[in-house]
C-alpha cells in the first residue's frame, strides 16, 4: 500500500477574493472547478509546483482558520516574488526559527499558509 500526498481543503467565502489571493498573488494555477448546479458553492483545485490545494465554499467542508505547513526550497526567492507583486492585503516577512526560515501568510478567510525552508542540520 502506498499513500499519496495529502490535499488540504481550505474554506473560502468569496470566489473573487480567493482567486485574487491564490491565483494572482500566490501564483497558483486553477486546475478545475466544480458546482453541483447554477447558484451552488464553488469547489476548486489549484496547484503550484508540487503543492495542490482544494478551495471550498461548501459549509462543513473545512474550518476557517486552518494552517497548512508548506516545505519550500529558496524561501528568499518566494518572498522576493511575492513582495514584488505589492499585494495590498499582505506584506509577508521571513523569520528565522529553530527549524529553518518561515514565512506565514493569511488568506482573506483566516486560513494560514506557513511556508518553511527547513534547516539542513
PDB file of N, CA and C in Angstrom:
ATOM      1  N   UNK A   1       0.850  -1.186   0.000  1.00  0.00           N
ATOM      2  CA  UNK A   1       0.000   0.000   0.000  1.00  0.00           C
ATOM      3  C   UNK A   1       0.885   1.235   0.000  1.00  0.00           C
ATOM      4  N   UNK A   2       0.502   2.215  -0.792  1.00  0.00           N
ATOM      5  CA  UNK A   2       1.235   3.477  -0.830  1.00  0.00           C
ATOM      6  C   UNK A   2       0.248   4.624  -0.638  1.00  0.00           C
ATOM      7  N   UNK A   3       0.615   5.558   0.233  1.00  0.00           N
ATOM      8  CA  UNK A   3      -0.216   6.738   0.446  1.00  0.00           C
ATOM      9  C   UNK A   3       0.263   7.855  -0.461  1.00  0.00           C
ATOM     10  N   UNK A   4      -0.664   8.613  -0.991  1.00  0.00           N
ATOM     11  CA  UNK A   4      -0.347   9.770  -1.834  1.00  0.00           C
ATOM     12  C   UNK A   4      -0.268  11.009  -0.944  1.00  0.00           C
ATOM     13  N   UNK A   5       0.344  12.078  -1.448  1.00  0.00           N
ATOM     14  CA  UNK A   5       0.378  13.318  -0.652  1.00  0.00           C
ATOM     15  C   UNK A   5      -1.036  13.801  -0.326  1.00  0.00           C
ATOM     16  N   UNK A   6      -1.203  14.324   0.863  1.00  0.00           N
ATOM     17  CA  UNK A   6      -2.499  14.861   1.282  1.00  0.00           C
ATOM     18  C   UNK A   6      -2.816  16.124   0.481  1.00  0.00           C
ATOM     19  N   UNK A   7      -4.096  16.382   0.269  1.00  0.00           N
ATOM     20  CA  UNK A   7      -4.538  17.618  -0.375  1.00  0.00           C
ATOM     21  C   UNK A   7      -5.409  18.360   0.635  1.00  0.00           C
ATOM     22  N   UNK A   8      -4.861  19.410   1.243  1.00  0.00           N
ATOM     23  CA  UNK A   8      -5.654  20.173   2.210  1.00  0.00           C
ATOM     24  C   UNK A   8      -6.855  20.843   1.543  1.00  0.00           C
ATOM     25  N   UNK A   9      -7.960  20.895   2.273  1.00  0.00           N
ATOM     26  CA  UNK A   9      -9.149  21.614   1.835  1.00  0.00           C
ATOM     27  C   UNK A   9      -9.257  22.863   2.703  1.00  0.00           C
ATOM     28  N   UNK A  10      -9.332  24.021   2.066  1.00  0.00           N
ATOM     29  CA  UNK A  10      -9.439  25.291   2.777  1.00  0.00           C
ATOM     30  C   UNK A  10     -10.795  25.918   2.492  1.00  0.00           C
ATOM     31  N   UNK A  11     -11.438  26.369   3.541  1.00  0.00           N
ATOM     32  CA  UNK A  11     -12.756  27.016   3.427  1.00  0.00           C
ATOM     33  C   UNK A  11     -12.570  28.426   2.927  1.00  0.00           C
ATOM     34  N   UNK A  12     -13.360  28.788   1.919  1.00  0.00           N
ATOM     35  CA  UNK A  12     -13.361  30.146   1.380  1.00  0.00           C
ATOM     36  C   UNK A  12     -14.791  30.667   1.399  1.00  0.00           C
ATOM     37  N   UNK A  13     -14.943  31.997   1.305  1.00  0.00           N
ATOM     38  CA  UNK A  13     -16.273  32.599   1.341  1.00  0.00           C
ATOM     39  C   UNK A  13     -16.552  33.478   0.138  1.00  0.00           C
ATOM     40  N   UNK A  14     -15.555  33.672  -0.714  1.00  0.00           N
ATOM     41  CA  UNK A  14     -15.717  34.526  -1.889  1.00  0.00           C
ATOM     42  C   UNK A  14     -14.805  34.015  -2.993  1.00  0.00           C
ATOM     43  N   UNK A  15     -15.408  33.611  -4.097  1.00  0.00           N
ATOM     44  CA  UNK A  15     -14.633  33.119  -5.225  1.00  0.00           C
ATOM     45  C   UNK A  15     -13.679  34.187  -5.742  1.00  0.00           C
ATOM     46  N   UNK A  16     -14.154  35.426  -5.847  1.00  0.00           N
ATOM     47  CA  UNK A  16     -13.310  36.507  -6.369  1.00  0.00           C
ATOM     48  C   UNK A  16     -12.104  36.771  -5.478  1.00  0.00           C
ATOM     49  N   UNK A  17     -12.318  36.853  -4.175  1.00  0.00           N
ATOM     50  CA  UNK A  17     -11.202  37.099  -3.254  1.00  0.00           C
ATOM     51  C   UNK A  17     -10.229  35.916  -3.248  1.00  0.00           C
ATOM     52  N   UNK A  18     -10.763  34.706  -3.326  1.00  0.00           N
ATOM     53  CA  UNK A  18      -9.910  33.519  -3.345  1.00  0.00           C
ATOM     54  C   UNK A  18      -9.025  33.514  -4.591  1.00  0.00           C
ATOM     55  N   UNK A  19      -9.597  33.833  -5.740  1.00  0.00           N
ATOM     56  CA  UNK A  19      -8.812  33.849  -6.979  1.00  0.00           C
ATOM     57  C   UNK A  19      -7.783  34.971  -6.962  1.00  0.00           C
ATOM     58  N   UNK A  20      -8.158  36.123  -6.430  1.00  0.00           N
ATOM     59  CA  UNK A  20      -7.199  37.232  -6.330  1.00  0.00           C
ATOM     60  C   UNK A  20      -6.009  36.828  -5.460  1.00  0.00           C
ATOM     61  N   UNK A  21      -6.285  36.178  -4.335  1.00  0.00           N
ATOM     62  CA  UNK A  21      -5.226  35.806  -3.401  1.00  0.00           C
ATOM     63  C   UNK A  21      -4.404  34.618  -3.920  1.00  0.00           C
ATOM     64  N   UNK A  22      -5.072  33.512  -4.214  1.00  0.00           N
ATOM     65  CA  UNK A  22      -4.349  32.282  -4.543  1.00  0.00           C
ATOM     66  C   UNK A  22      -3.764  32.282  -5.958  1.00  0.00           C
ATOM     67  N   UNK A  23      -4.494  32.802  -6.931  1.00  0.00           N
ATOM     68  CA  UNK A  23      -4.006  32.777  -8.310  1.00  0.00           C
ATOM     69  C   UNK A  23      -3.134  33.985  -8.618  1.00  0.00           C
ATOM     70  N   UNK A  24      -3.671  35.179  -8.372  1.00  0.00           N
ATOM     71  CA  UNK A  24      -2.944  36.399  -8.741  1.00  0.00           C
ATOM     72  C   UNK A  24      -1.750  36.669  -7.830  1.00  0.00           C
ATOM     73  N   UNK A  25      -1.945  36.571  -6.515  1.00  0.00           N
ATOM     74  CA  UNK A  25      -0.869  36.880  -5.577  1.00  0.00           C
ATOM     75  C   UNK A  25       0.100  35.713  -5.386  1.00  0.00           C
ATOM     76  N   UNK A  26      -0.413  34.554  -5.003  1.00  0.00           N
ATOM     77  CA  UNK A  26       0.473  33.427  -4.696  1.00  0.00           C
ATOM     78  C   UNK A  26       0.938  32.653  -5.933  1.00  0.00           C
ATOM     79  N   UNK A  27       0.311  32.865  -7.067  1.00  0.00           N
ATOM     80  CA  UNK A  27       0.793  32.248  -8.294  1.00  0.00           C
ATOM     81  C   UNK A  27       0.343  30.822  -8.543  1.00  0.00           C
ATOM     82  N   UNK A  28      -0.732  30.392  -7.904  1.00  0.00           N
ATOM     83  CA  UNK A  28      -1.288  29.068  -8.171  1.00  0.00           C
ATOM     84  C   UNK A  28      -2.004  29.089  -9.522  1.00  0.00           C
ATOM     85  N   UNK A  29      -2.210  27.915 -10.084  1.00  0.00           N
ATOM     86  CA  UNK A  29      -2.968  27.742 -11.315  1.00  0.00           C
ATOM     87  C   UNK A  29      -4.259  27.011 -10.985  1.00  0.00           C
ATOM     88  N   UNK A  30      -5.353  27.473 -11.544  1.00  0.00           N
ATOM     89  CA  UNK A  30      -6.644  26.805 -11.372  1.00  0.00           C
ATOM     90  C   UNK A  30      -6.651  25.568 -12.256  1.00  0.00           C
ATOM     91  N   UNK A  31      -6.806  24.394 -11.651  1.00  0.00           N
ATOM     92  CA  UNK A  31      -6.839  23.150 -12.428  1.00  0.00           C
ATOM     93  C   UNK A  31      -8.255  22.776 -12.824  1.00  0.00           C
ATOM     94  N   UNK A  32      -9.198  22.926 -11.910  1.00  0.00           N
ATOM     95  CA  UNK A  32     -10.603  22.689 -12.224  1.00  0.00           C
ATOM     96  C   UNK A  32     -11.492  23.304 -11.141  1.00  0.00           C
ATOM     97  N   UNK A  33     -12.742  23.517 -11.524  1.00  0.00           N
ATOM     98  CA  UNK A  33     -13.763  23.981 -10.570  1.00  0.00           C
ATOM     99  C   UNK A  33     -15.005  23.109 -10.748  1.00  0.00           C
ATOM    100  N   UNK A  34     -15.768  23.002  -9.656  1.00  0.00           N
ATOM    101  CA  UNK A  34     -16.992  22.199  -9.707  1.00  0.00           C
ATOM    102  C   UNK A  34     -18.094  22.903  -8.920  1.00  0.00           C
ATOM    103  N   UNK A  35     -19.288  22.839  -9.470  1.00  0.00           N
ATOM    104  CA  UNK A  35     -20.511  23.264  -8.778  1.00  0.00           C
ATOM    105  C   UNK A  35     -21.574  22.218  -9.092  1.00  0.00           C
ATOM    106  N   UNK A  36     -22.426  21.928  -8.135  1.00  0.00           N
ATOM    107  CA  UNK A  36     -23.484  20.947  -8.369  1.00  0.00           C
ATOM    108  C   UNK A  36     -24.576  21.491  -9.275  1.00  0.00           C
ATOM    109  N   UNK A  37     -24.604  22.787  -9.459  1.00  0.00           N
ATOM    110  CA  UNK A  37     -25.592  23.410 -10.324  1.00  0.00           C
ATOM    111  C   UNK A  37     -25.422  24.911 -10.276  1.00  0.00           C
ATOM    112  N   UNK A  38     -26.275  25.598 -11.010  1.00  0.00           N
ATOM    113  CA  UNK A  38     -26.239  27.055 -11.010  1.00  0.00           C
ATOM    114  C   UNK A  38     -26.564  27.565  -9.607  1.00  0.00           C
ATOM    115  N   UNK A  39     -25.873  28.588  -9.183  1.00  0.00           N
ATOM    116  CA  UNK A  39     -26.088  29.195  -7.861  1.00  0.00           C
ATOM    117  C   UNK A  39     -25.751  28.238  -6.713  1.00  0.00           C
ATOM    118  N   UNK A  40     -24.744  27.386  -6.915  1.00  0.00           N
ATOM    119  CA  UNK A  40     -24.241  26.493  -5.876  1.00  0.00           C
ATOM    120  C   UNK A  40     -22.823  26.918  -5.508  1.00  0.00           C
ATOM    121  N   UNK A  41     -22.345  26.509  -4.336  1.00  0.00           N
ATOM    122  CA  UNK A  41     -20.990  26.877  -3.913  1.00  0.00           C
ATOM    123  C   UNK A  41     -19.909  26.274  -4.808  1.00  0.00           C
ATOM    124  N   UNK A  42     -18.782  26.944  -4.823  1.00  0.00           N
ATOM    125  CA  UNK A  42     -17.622  26.527  -5.605  1.00  0.00           C
ATOM    126  C   UNK A  42     -16.786  25.494  -4.841  1.00  0.00           C
ATOM    127  N   UNK A  43     -16.281  24.521  -5.561  1.00  0.00           N
ATOM    128  CA  UNK A  43     -15.242  23.613  -5.078  1.00  0.00           C
ATOM    129  C   UNK A  43     -14.202  23.579  -6.185  1.00  0.00           C
ATOM    130  N   UNK A  44     -12.942  23.902  -5.862  1.00  0.00           N
ATOM    131  CA  UNK A  44     -11.925  24.040  -6.901  1.00  0.00           C
ATOM    132  C   UNK A  44     -10.609  23.416  -6.466  1.00  0.00           C
ATOM    133  N   UNK A  45      -9.819  23.039  -7.455  1.00  0.00           N
ATOM    134  CA  UNK A  45      -8.464  22.560  -7.203  1.00  0.00           C
ATOM    135  C   UNK A  45      -7.484  23.534  -7.837  1.00  0.00           C
ATOM    136  N   UNK A  46      -6.475  23.944  -7.033  1.00  0.00           N
ATOM    137  CA  UNK A  46      -5.416  24.816  -7.512  1.00  0.00           C
ATOM    138  C   UNK A  46      -4.079  24.130  -7.259  1.00  0.00           C
ATOM    139  N   UNK A  47      -3.071  24.550  -8.037  1.00  0.00           N
ATOM    140  CA  UNK A  47      -1.764  23.904  -7.888  1.00  0.00           C
ATOM    141  C   UNK A  47      -0.658  24.889  -8.200  1.00  0.00           C
ATOM    142  N   UNK A  48       0.415  24.760  -7.447  1.00  0.00           N
ATOM    143  CA  UNK A  48       1.652  25.468  -7.745  1.00  0.00           C
ATOM    144  C   UNK A  48       2.789  24.513  -7.417  1.00  0.00           C
ATOM    145  N   UNK A  49       3.600  24.231  -8.398  1.00  0.00           N
ATOM    146  CA  UNK A  49       4.720  23.311  -8.236  1.00  0.00           C
ATOM    147  C   UNK A  49       4.166  21.991  -7.694  1.00  0.00           C
ATOM    148  N   UNK A  50       4.679  21.499  -6.583  1.00  0.00           N
ATOM    149  CA  UNK A  50       4.211  20.235  -6.023  1.00  0.00           C
ATOM    150  C   UNK A  50       3.080  20.363  -5.023  1.00  0.00           C
ATOM    151  N   UNK A  51       2.555  21.562  -4.828  1.00  0.00           N
ATOM    152  CA  UNK A  51       1.502  21.781  -3.824  1.00  0.00           C
ATOM    153  C   UNK A  51       0.135  21.879  -4.490  1.00  0.00           C
ATOM    154  N   UNK A  52      -0.770  21.007  -4.094  1.00  0.00           N
ATOM    155  CA  UNK A  52      -2.154  21.027  -4.549  1.00  0.00           C
ATOM    156  C   UNK A  52      -3.043  21.378  -3.364  1.00  0.00           C
ATOM    157  N   UNK A  53      -3.981  22.292  -3.576  1.00  0.00           N
ATOM    158  CA  UNK A  53      -4.956  22.682  -2.559  1.00  0.00           C
ATOM    159  C   UNK A  53      -6.356  22.589  -3.146  1.00  0.00           C
ATOM    160  N   UNK A  54      -7.318  22.277  -2.294  1.00  0.00           N
ATOM    161  CA  UNK A  54      -8.721  22.371  -2.658  1.00  0.00           C
ATOM    162  C   UNK A  54      -9.309  23.560  -1.909  1.00  0.00           C
ATOM    163  N   UNK A  55     -10.090  24.358  -2.613  1.00  0.00           N
ATOM    164  CA  UNK A  55     -10.777  25.511  -2.032  1.00  0.00           C
ATOM    165  C   UNK A  55     -12.267  25.226  -2.095  1.00  0.00           C
ATOM    166  N   UNK A  56     -12.955  25.428  -0.968  1.00  0.00           N
ATOM    167  CA  UNK A  56     -14.367  25.073  -0.919  1.00  0.00           C
ATOM    168  C   UNK A  56     -15.209  26.160  -0.270  1.00  0.00           C
ATOM    169  N   UNK A  57     -16.297  26.504  -0.951  1.00  0.00           N
ATOM    170  CA  UNK A  57     -17.305  27.398  -0.362  1.00  0.00           C
ATOM    171  C   UNK A  57     -18.378  26.594   0.376  1.00  0.00           C
ATOM    172  N   UNK A  58     -18.288  25.274   0.347  1.00  0.00           N
ATOM    173  CA  UNK A  58     -19.306  24.425   0.971  1.00  0.00           C
ATOM    174  C   UNK A  58     -19.203  24.466   2.496  1.00  0.00           C
ATOM    175  N   UNK A  59     -20.311  24.762   3.142  1.00  0.00           N
ATOM    176  CA  UNK A  59     -20.369  24.745   4.598  1.00  0.00           C
ATOM    177  C   UNK A  59     -20.075  23.326   5.081  1.00  0.00           C
ATOM    178  N   UNK A  60     -19.180  23.221   6.061  1.00  0.00           N
ATOM    179  CA  UNK A  60     -18.866  21.918   6.636  1.00  0.00           C
ATOM    180  C   UNK A  60     -17.691  21.205   5.995  1.00  0.00           C
ATOM    181  N   UNK A  61     -17.186  21.699   4.874  1.00  0.00           N
ATOM    182  CA  UNK A  61     -16.042  21.038   4.243  1.00  0.00           C
ATOM    183  C   UNK A  61     -14.752  21.244   5.018  1.00  0.00           C
ATOM    184  N   UNK A  62     -14.600  22.389   5.619  1.00  0.00           N
ATOM    185  CA  UNK A  62     -13.368  22.695   6.343  1.00  0.00           C
ATOM    186  C   UNK A  62     -13.669  23.806   7.349  1.00  0.00           C
ATOM    187  N   UNK A  63     -12.753  23.997   8.262  1.00  0.00           N
ATOM    188  CA  UNK A  63     -12.910  25.011   9.294  1.00  0.00           C
ATOM    189  C   UNK A  63     -12.067  26.227   8.963  1.00  0.00           C
ATOM    190  N   UNK A  64     -12.670  27.401   8.887  1.00  0.00           N
ATOM    191  CA  UNK A  64     -11.851  28.605   8.679  1.00  0.00           C
ATOM    192  C   UNK A  64     -10.812  28.728   9.800  1.00  0.00           C
ATOM    193  N   UNK A  65      -9.656  29.222   9.463  1.00  0.00           N
ATOM    194  CA  UNK A  65      -8.595  29.365  10.460  1.00  0.00           C
ATOM    195  C   UNK A  65      -7.621  28.207  10.463  1.00  0.00           C
ATOM    196  N   UNK A  66      -7.656  27.371   9.449  1.00  0.00           N
ATOM    197  CA  UNK A  66      -6.727  26.250   9.353  1.00  0.00           C
ATOM    198  C   UNK A  66      -5.341  26.740   8.928  1.00  0.00           C
ATOM    199  N   UNK A  67      -4.335  25.911   9.202  1.00  0.00           N
ATOM    200  CA  UNK A  67      -2.962  26.217   8.793  1.00  0.00           C
ATOM    201  C   UNK A  67      -2.426  25.062   7.961  1.00  0.00           C
ATOM    202  N   UNK A  68      -1.757  25.404   6.850  1.00  0.00           N
ATOM    203  CA  UNK A  68      -1.103  24.412   6.000  1.00  0.00           C
ATOM    204  C   UNK A  68       0.394  24.684   6.067  1.00  0.00           C
ATOM    205  N   UNK A  69       1.165  23.677   6.462  1.00  0.00           N
ATOM    206  CA  UNK A  69       2.622  23.788   6.524  1.00  0.00           C
ATOM    207  C   UNK A  69       3.172  23.363   5.165  1.00  0.00           C
ATOM    208  N   UNK A  70       3.925  24.255   4.526  1.00  0.00           N
ATOM    209  CA  UNK A  70       4.417  24.015   3.172  1.00  0.00           C
ATOM    210  C   UNK A  70       5.945  24.084   3.153  1.00  0.00           C
ATOM    211  N   UNK A  71       6.634  22.940   3.074  1.00  0.00           N
ATOM    212  CA  UNK A  71       8.088  22.974   2.920  1.00  0.00           C
ATOM    213  C   UNK A  71       8.435  23.608   1.568  1.00  0.00           C
ATOM    214  N   UNK A  72       9.447  24.457   1.559  1.00  0.00           N
ATOM    215  CA  UNK A  72       9.825  25.164   0.334  1.00  0.00           C
ATOM    216  C   UNK A  72      11.344  25.253   0.251  1.00  0.00           C
ATOM    217  N   UNK A  73      11.842  25.214  -0.969  1.00  0.00           N
ATOM    218  CA  UNK A  73      13.264  25.467  -1.196  1.00  0.00           C
ATOM    219  C   UNK A  73      13.385  26.909  -1.663  1.00  0.00           C
ATOM    220  N   UNK A  74      14.362  27.627  -1.140  1.00  0.00           N
ATOM    221  CA  UNK A  74      14.635  29.019  -1.515  1.00  0.00           C
ATOM    222  C   UNK A  74      13.485  29.953  -1.159  1.00  0.00           C
ATOM    223  N   UNK A  75      13.248  30.063   0.129  1.00  0.00           N
ATOM    224  CA  UNK A  75      12.193  30.944   0.612  1.00  0.00           C
ATOM    225  C   UNK A  75      12.489  32.406   0.286  1.00  0.00           C
ATOM    226  N   UNK A  76      13.772  32.740   0.129  1.00  0.00           N
ATOM    227  CA  UNK A  76      14.140  34.108  -0.243  1.00  0.00           C
ATOM    228  C   UNK A  76      13.576  34.455  -1.613  1.00  0.00           C
ATOM    229  N   UNK A  77      13.662  33.529  -2.568  1.00  0.00           N
ATOM    230  CA  UNK A  77      13.119  33.765  -3.909  1.00  0.00           C
ATOM    231  C   UNK A  77      11.596  33.907  -3.867  1.00  0.00           C
ATOM    232  N   UNK A  78      10.922  33.063  -3.092  1.00  0.00           N
ATOM    233  CA  UNK A  78       9.467  33.154  -2.964  1.00  0.00           C
ATOM    234  C   UNK A  78       9.077  34.490  -2.334  1.00  0.00           C
ATOM    235  N   UNK A  79       9.769  34.869  -1.285  1.00  0.00           N
ATOM    236  CA  UNK A  79       9.486  36.141  -0.624  1.00  0.00           C
ATOM    237  C   UNK A  79       9.674  37.313  -1.590  1.00  0.00           C
ATOM    238  N   UNK A  80      10.751  37.301  -2.354  1.00  0.00           N
ATOM    239  CA  UNK A  80      11.013  38.374  -3.328  1.00  0.00           C
ATOM    240  C   UNK A  80       9.915  38.438  -4.385  1.00  0.00           C
ATOM    241  N   UNK A  81       9.499  37.275  -4.875  1.00  0.00           N
ATOM    242  CA  UNK A  81       8.433  37.213  -5.881  1.00  0.00           C
ATOM    243  C   UNK A  81       7.142  37.834  -5.345  1.00  0.00           C
ATOM    244  N   UNK A  82       6.760  37.451  -4.128  1.00  0.00           N
ATOM    245  CA  UNK A  82       5.504  37.950  -3.558  1.00  0.00           C
ATOM    246  C   UNK A  82       5.588  39.430  -3.209  1.00  0.00           C
ATOM    247  N   UNK A  83       6.719  39.858  -2.679  1.00  0.00           N
ATOM    248  CA  UNK A  83       6.902  41.267  -2.334  1.00  0.00           C
ATOM    249  C   UNK A  83       6.813  42.149  -3.576  1.00  0.00           C
ATOM    250  N   UNK A  84       7.363  41.685  -4.680  1.00  0.00           N
ATOM    251  CA  UNK A  84       7.349  42.450  -5.929  1.00  0.00           C
ATOM    252  C   UNK A  84       5.934  42.669  -6.460  1.00  0.00           C
ATOM    253  N   UNK A  85       4.995  41.826  -6.084  1.00  0.00           N
ATOM    254  CA  UNK A  85       3.609  41.971  -6.542  1.00  0.00           C
ATOM    255  C   UNK A  85       2.888  43.116  -5.831  1.00  0.00           C
ATOM    256  N   UNK A  86       3.439  43.566  -4.703  1.00  0.00           N
ATOM    257  CA  UNK A  86       2.869  44.688  -3.943  1.00  0.00           C
ATOM    258  C   UNK A  86       1.372  44.495  -3.694  1.00  0.00           C
ATOM    259  N   UNK A  87       1.013  43.307  -3.253  1.00  0.00           N
ATOM    260  CA  UNK A  87      -0.380  42.959  -2.952  1.00  0.00           C
ATOM    261  C   UNK A  87      -0.849  43.765  -1.748  1.00  0.00           C
ATOM    262  N   UNK A  88      -1.909  44.472  -1.930  1.00  0.00           N
ATOM    263  CA  UNK A  88      -2.429  45.410  -0.927  1.00  0.00           C
ATOM    264  C   UNK A  88      -2.706  44.766   0.440  1.00  0.00           C
ATOM    265  N   UNK A  89      -3.138  43.515   0.442  1.00  0.00           N
ATOM    266  CA  UNK A  89      -3.632  42.908   1.676  1.00  0.00           C
ATOM    267  C   UNK A  89      -2.631  41.993   2.391  1.00  0.00           C
ATOM    268  N   UNK A  90      -1.400  41.886   1.877  1.00  0.00           N
ATOM    269  CA  UNK A  90      -0.409  41.043   2.545  1.00  0.00           C
ATOM    270  C   UNK A  90       0.995  41.527   2.234  1.00  0.00           C
ATOM    271  N   UNK A  91       1.744  41.764   3.262  1.00  0.00           N
ATOM    272  CA  UNK A  91       3.150  42.162   3.162  1.00  0.00           C
ATOM    273  C   UNK A  91       3.964  41.184   4.002  1.00  0.00           C
ATOM    274  N   UNK A  92       4.158  39.948   3.514  1.00  0.00           N
ATOM    275  CA  UNK A  92       4.789  38.909   4.334  1.00  0.00           C
ATOM    276  C   UNK A  92       6.262  39.187   4.596  1.00  0.00           C
ATOM    277  N   UNK A  93       6.697  38.722   5.742  1.00  0.00           N
ATOM    278  CA  UNK A  93       8.104  38.775   6.108  1.00  0.00           C
ATOM    279  C   UNK A  93       8.611  37.368   6.348  1.00  0.00           C
ATOM    280  N   UNK A  94       9.917  37.236   6.405  1.00  0.00           N
ATOM    281  CA  UNK A  94      10.545  35.935   6.672  1.00  0.00           C
ATOM    282  C   UNK A  94      11.230  36.032   8.023  1.00  0.00           C
ATOM    283  N   UNK A  95      11.008  35.025   8.852  1.00  0.00           N
ATOM    284  CA  UNK A  95      11.660  34.991  10.161  1.00  0.00           C
ATOM    285  C   UNK A  95      12.449  33.699  10.314  1.00  0.00           C
ATOM    286  N   UNK A  96      13.484  33.772  11.117  1.00  0.00           N
ATOM    287  CA  UNK A  96      14.288  32.591  11.415  1.00  0.00           C
ATOM    288  C   UNK A  96      13.741  31.944  12.674  1.00  0.00           C
ATOM    289  N   UNK A  97      13.509  30.641  12.589  1.00  0.00           N
ATOM    290  CA  UNK A  97      13.028  29.849  13.728  1.00  0.00           C
ATOM    291  C   UNK A  97      14.007  28.698  13.937  1.00  0.00           C
ATOM    292  N   UNK A  98      13.849  27.955  15.011  1.00  0.00           N
ATOM    293  CA  UNK A  98      14.789  26.872  15.326  1.00  0.00           C
ATOM    294  C   UNK A  98      14.939  25.843  14.207  1.00  0.00           C
ATOM    295  N   UNK A  99      13.885  25.627  13.428  1.00  0.00           N
ATOM    296  CA  UNK A  99      13.910  24.574  12.416  1.00  0.00           C
ATOM    297  C   UNK A  99      14.120  25.103  10.988  1.00  0.00           C
ATOM    298  N   UNK A 100      14.289  26.431  10.822  1.00  0.00           N
ATOM    299  CA  UNK A 100      14.538  26.970   9.483  1.00  0.00           C
ATOM    300  C   UNK A 100      14.113  28.417   9.345  1.00  0.00           C
ATOM    301  N   UNK A 101      13.692  28.770   8.146  1.00  0.00           N
ATOM    302  CA  UNK A 101      13.204  30.126   7.854  1.00  0.00           C
ATOM    303  C   UNK A 101      11.744  30.012   7.456  1.00  0.00           C
ATOM    304  N   UNK A 102      10.919  30.890   8.022  1.00  0.00           N
ATOM    305  CA  UNK A 102       9.471  30.755   7.951  1.00  0.00           C
ATOM    306  C   UNK A 102       8.831  32.028   7.418  1.00  0.00           C
ATOM    307  N   UNK A 103       7.843  31.858   6.538  1.00  0.00           N
ATOM    308  CA  UNK A 103       7.035  32.968   6.056  1.00  0.00           C
ATOM    309  C   UNK A 103       5.574  32.534   6.137  1.00  0.00           C
ATOM    310  N   UNK A 104       4.811  33.171   7.017  1.00  0.00           N
ATOM    311  CA  UNK A 104       3.410  32.814   7.185  1.00  0.00           C
ATOM    312  C   UNK A 104       2.543  33.890   6.552  1.00  0.00           C
ATOM    313  N   UNK A 105       1.576  33.442   5.750  1.00  0.00           N
ATOM    314  CA  UNK A 105       0.684  34.356   5.049  1.00  0.00           C
ATOM    315  C   UNK A 105      -0.751  33.926   5.305  1.00  0.00           C
ATOM    316  N   UNK A 106      -1.585  34.863   5.752  1.00  0.00           N
ATOM    317  CA  UNK A 106      -3.002  34.580   5.987  1.00  0.00           C
ATOM    318  C   UNK A 106      -3.800  34.910   4.728  1.00  0.00           C
ATOM    319  N   UNK A 107      -4.730  34.033   4.378  1.00  0.00           N
ATOM    320  CA  UNK A 107      -5.612  34.315   3.247  1.00  0.00           C
ATOM    321  C   UNK A 107      -6.773  35.187   3.718  1.00  0.00           C
ATOM    322  N   UNK A 108      -7.625  35.650   2.828  1.00  0.00           N
ATOM    323  CA  UNK A 108      -8.728  36.540   3.226  1.00  0.00           C
ATOM    324  C   UNK A 108      -9.788  35.876   4.107  1.00  0.00           C
ATOM    325  N   UNK A 109      -9.669  34.574   4.358  1.00  0.00           N
ATOM    326  CA  UNK A 109     -10.681  33.831   5.093  1.00  0.00           C
ATOM    327  C   UNK A 109     -10.181  33.317   6.443  1.00  0.00           C
ATOM    328  N   UNK A 110      -8.977  33.747   6.836  1.00  0.00           N
ATOM    329  CA  UNK A 110      -8.425  33.358   8.127  1.00  0.00           C
ATOM    330  C   UNK A 110      -7.574  32.108   8.102  1.00  0.00           C
ATOM    331  N   UNK A 111      -7.402  31.482   6.947  1.00  0.00           N
ATOM    332  CA  UNK A 111      -6.504  30.333   6.830  1.00  0.00           C
ATOM    333  C   UNK A 111      -5.076  30.846   6.693  1.00  0.00           C
ATOM    334  N   UNK A 112      -4.113  30.034   7.133  1.00  0.00           N
ATOM    335  CA  UNK A 112      -2.707  30.433   7.056  1.00  0.00           C
ATOM    336  C   UNK A 112      -1.912  29.415   6.249  1.00  0.00           C
ATOM    337  N   UNK A 113      -1.035  29.948   5.405  1.00  0.00           N
ATOM    338  CA  UNK A 113      -0.071  29.121   4.693  1.00  0.00           C
ATOM    339  C   UNK A 113       1.276  29.408   5.324  1.00  0.00           C
ATOM    340  N   UNK A 114       1.882  28.393   5.897  1.00  0.00           N
ATOM    341  CA  UNK A 114       3.153  28.532   6.606  1.00  0.00           C
ATOM    342  C   UNK A 114       4.251  27.925   5.737  1.00  0.00           C
ATOM    343  N   UNK A 115       4.894  28.767   4.924  1.00  0.00           N
ATOM    344  CA  UNK A 115       5.980  28.331   4.058  1.00  0.00           C
ATOM    345  C   UNK A 115       7.253  28.247   4.889  1.00  0.00           C
ATOM    346  N   UNK A 116       7.995  27.136   4.770  1.00  0.00           N
ATOM    347  CA  UNK A 116       9.184  26.965   5.592  1.00  0.00           C
ATOM    348  C   UNK A 116      10.305  26.311   4.801  1.00  0.00           C
ATOM    349  N   UNK A 117      11.447  26.971   4.815  1.00  0.00           N
ATOM    350  CA  UNK A 117      12.679  26.379   4.295  1.00  0.00           C
ATOM    351  C   UNK A 117      13.366  25.757   5.496  1.00  0.00           C
ATOM    352  N   UNK A 118      13.324  24.437   5.565  1.00  0.00           N
ATOM    353  CA  UNK A 118      13.834  23.721   6.722  1.00  0.00           C
ATOM    354  C   UNK A 118      15.355  23.804   6.784  1.00  0.00           C
ATOM    355  N   UNK A 119      15.885  23.861   8.019  1.00  0.00           N
ATOM    356  CA  UNK A 119      17.336  23.871   8.212  1.00  0.00           C
ATOM    357  C   UNK A 119      17.914  22.558   7.719  1.00  0.00           C
ATOM    358  N   UNK A 120      19.145  22.598   7.271  1.00  0.00           N
ATOM    359  CA  UNK A 120      19.787  21.390   6.763  1.00  0.00           C
ATOM    360  C   UNK A 120      20.606  20.683   7.839  1.00  0.00           C
ATOM    361  N   UNK A 121      20.413  21.031   9.081  1.00  0.00           N
ATOM    362  CA  UNK A 121      21.169  20.424  10.190  1.00  0.00           C
ATOM    363  C   UNK A 121      20.810  18.981  10.388  1.00  0.00           C
TER     364      UNK A 121
END
